Amino acid sequence: MPSPFCGLLEEIENQRNDMVRLASETSLSHHKVIEASKRLDRLLNKYHLLLAR
């Protein structure tokens, strides 16, 4: 897999873990969880765009 993917996949996994941790400490509707989810969405969209090339 090309190098841009490796770093991005690591970022995605870190963000996912952060979101899950936040959700377990608070609630799914907590503003910190929602912000983490938005960050994860942006990373996933970036990954999808790279795949579509």
PDB file of N, CA and C in Angstrom:
ATOM      1  N   MET A   1       0.847  -1.176   0.000  1.00  0.00           N
ATOM      2  CA  MET A   1       0.000   0.000   0.000  1.00  0.00           C
ATOM      3  C   MET A   1       0.894   1.241   0.000  1.00  0.00           C
ATOM      4  N   PRO A   2       0.585   2.249  -0.820  1.00  0.00           N
ATOM      5  CA  PRO A   2       1.411   3.455  -0.884  1.00  0.00           C
ATOM      6  C   PRO A   2       1.487   4.176   0.464  1.00  0.00           C
ATOM      7  N   SER A   3       2.570   4.913   0.658  1.00  0.00           N
ATOM      8  CA  SER A   3       2.818   5.560   1.947  1.00  0.00           C
ATOM      9  C   SER A   3       1.734   6.543   2.397  1.00  0.00           C
ATOM     10  N   PRO A   4       1.078   7.336   1.503  1.00  0.00           N
ATOM     11  CA  PRO A   4       0.033   8.230   2.012  1.00  0.00           C
ATOM     12  C   PRO A   4      -1.076   7.463   2.730  1.00  0.00           C
ATOM     13  N   PHE A   5      -1.323   6.227   2.290  1.00  0.00           N
ATOM     14  CA  PHE A   5      -2.367   5.427   2.911  1.00  0.00           C
ATOM     15  C   PHE A   5      -1.985   4.976   4.309  1.00  0.00           C
ATOM     16  N   CYS A   6      -0.731   4.603   4.492  1.00  0.00           N
ATOM     17  CA  CYS A   6      -0.294   4.088   5.793  1.00  0.00           C
ATOM     18  C   CYS A   6      -0.489   5.115   6.894  1.00  0.00           C
ATOM     19  N   GLY A   7      -0.027   6.315   6.673  1.00  0.00           N
ATOM     20  CA  GLY A   7      -0.184   7.367   7.677  1.00  0.00           C
ATOM     21  C   GLY A   7      -1.639   7.713   7.914  1.00  0.00           C
ATOM     22  N   LEU A   8      -2.409   7.754   6.843  1.00  0.00           N
ATOM     23  CA  LEU A   8      -3.821   8.086   6.957  1.00  0.00           C
ATOM     24  C   LEU A   8      -4.580   6.985   7.690  1.00  0.00           C
ATOM     25  N   LEU A   9      -4.264   5.750   7.393  1.00  0.00           N
ATOM     26  CA  LEU A   9      -4.918   4.642   8.095  1.00  0.00           C
ATOM     27  C   LEU A   9      -4.605   4.664   9.591  1.00  0.00           C
ATOM     28  N   GLU A  10      -3.387   5.041   9.917  1.00  0.00           N
ATOM     29  CA  GLU A  10      -3.022   5.157  11.337  1.00  0.00           C
ATOM     30  C   GLU A  10      -3.810   6.288  11.997  1.00  0.00           C
ATOM     31  N   GLU A  11      -3.932   7.415  11.313  1.00  0.00           N
ATOM     32  CA  GLU A  11      -4.730   8.529  11.841  1.00  0.00           C
ATOM     33  C   GLU A  11      -6.179   8.117  12.049  1.00  0.00           C
ATOM     34  N   ILE A  12      -6.724   7.384  11.083  1.00  0.00           N
ATOM     35  CA  ILE A  12      -8.110   6.926  11.181  1.00  0.00           C
ATOM     36  C   ILE A  12      -8.279   6.023  12.396  1.00  0.00           C
ATOM     37  N   GLU A  13      -7.383   5.088  12.561  1.00  0.00           N
ATOM     38  CA  GLU A  13      -7.474   4.165  13.693  1.00  0.00           C
ATOM     39  C   GLU A  13      -7.330   4.898  15.024  1.00  0.00           C
ATOM     40  N   ASN A  14      -6.403   5.839  15.100  1.00  0.00           N
ATOM     41  CA  ASN A  14      -6.237   6.625  16.332  1.00  0.00           C
ATOM     42  C   ASN A  14      -7.485   7.433  16.645  1.00  0.00           C
ATOM     43  N   GLN A  15      -8.059   8.046  15.621  1.00  0.00           N
ATOM     44  CA  GLN A  15      -9.257   8.854  15.823  1.00  0.00           C
ATOM     45  C   GLN A  15     -10.438   7.990  16.237  1.00  0.00           C
ATOM     46  N   ARG A  16     -10.545   6.816  15.626  1.00  0.00           N
ATOM     47  CA  ARG A  16     -11.622   5.886  15.988  1.00  0.00           C
ATOM     48  C   ARG A  16     -11.480   5.464  17.452  1.00  0.00           C
ATOM     49  N   ASN A  17     -10.264   5.124  17.859  1.00  0.00           N
ATOM     50  CA  ASN A  17     -10.030   4.728  19.255  1.00  0.00           C
ATOM     51  C   ASN A  17     -10.353   5.865  20.208  1.00  0.00           C
ATOM     52  N   ASP A  18      -9.990   7.074  19.841  1.00  0.00           N
ATOM     53  CA  ASP A  18     -10.278   8.241  20.671  1.00  0.00           C
ATOM     54  C   ASP A  18     -11.784   8.436  20.815  1.00  0.00           C
ATOM     55  N   MET A  19     -12.505   8.303  19.713  1.00  0.00           N
ATOM     56  CA  MET A  19     -13.952   8.478  19.747  1.00  0.00           C
ATOM     57  C   MET A  19     -14.612   7.410  20.632  1.00  0.00           C
ATOM     58  N   VAL A  20     -14.177   6.179  20.498  1.00  0.00           N
ATOM     59  CA  VAL A  20     -14.731   5.098  21.312  1.00  0.00           C
ATOM     60  C   VAL A  20     -14.437   5.334  22.790  1.00  0.00           C
ATOM     61  N   ARG A  21     -13.214   5.774  23.079  1.00  0.00           N
ATOM     62  CA  ARG A  21     -12.855   6.058  24.480  1.00  0.00           C
ATOM     63  C   ARG A  21     -13.728   7.172  25.047  1.00  0.00           C
ATOM     64  N   LEU A  22     -13.880   8.245  24.283  1.00  0.00           N
ATOM     65  CA  LEU A  22     -14.720   9.358  24.738  1.00  0.00           C
ATOM     66  C   LEU A  22     -16.159   8.910  24.967  1.00  0.00           C
ATOM     67  N   ALA A  23     -16.677   8.103  24.044  1.00  0.00           N
ATOM     68  CA  ALA A  23     -18.061   7.632  24.170  1.00  0.00           C
ATOM     69  C   ALA A  23     -18.239   6.752  25.404  1.00  0.00           C
ATOM     70  N   SER A  24     -17.221   5.968  25.730  1.00  0.00           N
ATOM     71  CA  SER A  24     -17.333   5.099  26.907  1.00  0.00           C
ATOM     72  C   SER A  24     -17.235   5.901  28.207  1.00  0.00           C
ATOM     73  N   GLU A  25     -16.592   7.060  28.143  1.00  0.00           N
ATOM     74  CA  GLU A  25     -16.443   7.902  29.331  1.00  0.00           C
ATOM     75  C   GLU A  25     -17.613   8.863  29.511  1.00  0.00           C
ATOM     76  N   THR A  26     -18.304   9.178  28.412  1.00  0.00           N
ATOM     77  CA  THR A  26     -19.405  10.146  28.481  1.00  0.00           C
ATOM     78  C   THR A  26     -20.662   9.491  27.901  1.00  0.00           C
ATOM     79  N   SER A  27     -21.146  10.021  26.794  1.00  0.00           N
ATOM     80  CA  SER A  27     -22.287   9.432  26.090  1.00  0.00           C
ATOM     81  C   SER A  27     -22.107   9.678  24.601  1.00  0.00           C
ATOM     82  N   LEU A  28     -22.853   8.946  23.801  1.00  0.00           N
ATOM     83  CA  LEU A  28     -22.738   9.106  22.346  1.00  0.00           C
ATOM     84  C   LEU A  28     -23.143  10.494  21.878  1.00  0.00           C
ATOM     85  N   SER A  29     -23.974  11.165  22.638  1.00  0.00           N
ATOM     86  CA  SER A  29     -24.438  12.493  22.223  1.00  0.00           C
ATOM     87  C   SER A  29     -23.621  13.640  22.834  1.00  0.00           C
ATOM     88  N   HIS A  30     -22.594  13.321  23.584  1.00  0.00           N
ATOM     89  CA  HIS A  30     -21.743  14.352  24.183  1.00  0.00           C
ATOM     90  C   HIS A  30     -21.009  15.111  23.073  1.00  0.00           C
ATOM     91  N   HIS A  31     -20.857  16.412  23.255  1.00  0.00           N
ATOM     92  CA  HIS A  31     -20.260  17.251  22.204  1.00  0.00           C
ATOM     93  C   HIS A  31     -18.839  16.813  21.828  1.00  0.00           C
ATOM     94  N   LYS A  32     -18.082  16.285  22.779  1.00  0.00           N
ATOM     95  CA  LYS A  32     -16.722  15.818  22.461  1.00  0.00           C
ATOM     96  C   LYS A  32     -16.759  14.583  21.555  1.00  0.00           C
ATOM     97  N   VAL A  33     -17.734  13.719  21.772  1.00  0.00           N
ATOM     98  CA  VAL A  33     -17.873  12.527  20.931  1.00  0.00           C
ATOM     99  C   VAL A  33     -18.316  12.935  19.527  1.00  0.00           C
ATOM    100  N   ILE A  34     -19.215  13.871  19.441  1.00  0.00           N
ATOM    101  CA  ILE A  34     -19.686  14.347  18.141  1.00  0.00           C
ATOM    102  C   ILE A  34     -18.545  14.998  17.363  1.00  0.00           C
ATOM    103  N   GLU A  35     -17.728  15.795  18.027  1.00  0.00           N
ATOM    104  CA  GLU A  35     -16.578  16.416  17.360  1.00  0.00           C
ATOM    105  C   GLU A  35     -15.574  15.357  16.904  1.00  0.00           C
ATOM    106  N   ALA A  36     -15.346  14.349  17.734  1.00  0.00           N
ATOM    107  CA  ALA A  36     -14.440  13.266  17.351  1.00  0.00           C
ATOM    108  C   ALA A  36     -14.995  12.512  16.144  1.00  0.00           C
ATOM    109  N   SER A  37     -16.295  12.316  16.124  1.00  0.00           N
ATOM    110  CA  SER A  37     -16.937  11.644  14.995  1.00  0.00           C
ATOM    111  C   SER A  37     -16.786  12.456  13.714  1.00  0.00           C
ATOM    112  N   LYS A  38     -16.908  13.770  13.817  1.00  0.00           N
ATOM    113  CA  LYS A  38     -16.726  14.633  12.648  1.00  0.00           C
ATOM    114  C   LYS A  38     -15.295  14.573  12.128  1.00  0.00           C
ATOM    115  N   ARG A  39     -14.327  14.546  13.046  1.00  0.00           N
ATOM    116  CA  ARG A  39     -12.929  14.427  12.630  1.00  0.00           C
ATOM    117  C   ARG A  39     -12.701  13.089  11.927  1.00  0.00           C
ATOM    118  N   LEU A  40     -13.280  12.037  12.472  1.00  0.00           N
ATOM    119  CA  LEU A  40     -13.160  10.719  11.850  1.00  0.00           C
ATOM    120  C   LEU A  40     -13.814  10.715  10.467  1.00  0.00           C
ATOM    121  N   ASP A  41     -14.967  11.328  10.343  1.00  0.00           N
ATOM    122  CA  ASP A  41     -15.633  11.422   9.036  1.00  0.00           C
ATOM    123  C   ASP A  41     -14.748  12.106   8.006  1.00  0.00           C
ATOM    124  N   ARG A  42     -14.102  13.192   8.412  1.00  0.00           N
ATOM    125  CA  ARG A  42     -13.223  13.912   7.478  1.00  0.00           C
ATOM    126  C   ARG A  42     -12.068  13.029   7.023  1.00  0.00           C
ATOM    127  N   LEU A  43     -11.486  12.288   7.958  1.00  0.00           N
ATOM    128  CA  LEU A  43     -10.386  11.386   7.608  1.00  0.00           C
ATOM    129  C   LEU A  43     -10.857  10.269   6.670  1.00  0.00           C
ATOM    130  N   LEU A  44     -12.030   9.728   6.956  1.00  0.00           N
ATOM    131  CA  LEU A  44     -12.562   8.666   6.104  1.00  0.00           C
ATOM    132  C   LEU A  44     -12.893   9.186   4.707  1.00  0.00           C
ATOM    133  N   ASN A  45     -13.402  10.403   4.628  1.00  0.00           N
ATOM    134  CA  ASN A  45     -13.674  11.006   3.313  1.00  0.00           C
ATOM    135  C   ASN A  45     -12.381  11.207   2.534  1.00  0.00           C
ATOM    136  N   LYS A  46     -11.336  11.649   3.230  1.00  0.00           N
ATOM    137  CA  LYS A  46     -10.036  11.831   2.582  1.00  0.00           C
ATOM    138  C   LYS A  46      -9.510  10.498   2.061  1.00  0.00           C
ATOM    139  N   TYR A  47      -9.652   9.448   2.860  1.00  0.00           N
ATOM    140  CA  TYR A  47      -9.214   8.111   2.456  1.00  0.00           C
ATOM    141  C   TYR A  47      -9.979   7.645   1.218  1.00  0.00           C
ATOM    142  N   HIS A  48     -11.280   7.857   1.238  1.00  0.00           N
ATOM    143  CA  HIS A  48     -12.104   7.456   0.102  1.00  0.00           C
ATOM    144  C   HIS A  48     -11.683   8.195  -1.168  1.00  0.00           C
ATOM    145  N   LEU A  49     -11.395   9.492  -1.052  1.00  0.00           N
ATOM    146  CA  LEU A  49     -10.961  10.258  -2.215  1.00  0.00           C
ATOM    147  C   LEU A  49      -9.644   9.736  -2.752  1.00  0.00           C
ATOM    148  N   LEU A  50      -8.729   9.365  -1.883  1.00  0.00           N
ATOM    149  CA  LEU A  50      -7.454   8.798  -2.328  1.00  0.00           C
ATOM    150  C   LEU A  50      -7.658   7.466  -3.047  1.00  0.00           C
ATOM    151  N   LEU A  51      -8.594   6.669  -2.558  1.00  0.00           N
ATOM    152  CA  LEU A  51      -8.869   5.385  -3.194  1.00  0.00           C
ATOM    153  C   LEU A  51      -9.489   5.556  -4.577  1.00  0.00           C
ATOM    154  N   ALA A  52     -10.262   6.622  -4.742  1.00  0.00           N
ATOM    155  CA  ALA A  52     -10.988   6.843  -5.998  1.00  0.00           C
ATOM    156  C   ALA A  52     -10.067   7.319  -7.120  1.00  0.00           C
ATOM    157  N   ARG A  53      -8.856   7.700  -6.802  1.00  0.00           N
ATOM    158  CA  ARG A  53      -7.920   8.180  -7.836  1.00  0.00           C
ATOM    159  C   ARG A  53      -7.556   7.116  -8.814  1.00  0.00           C
TER     160      ARG A  53
END
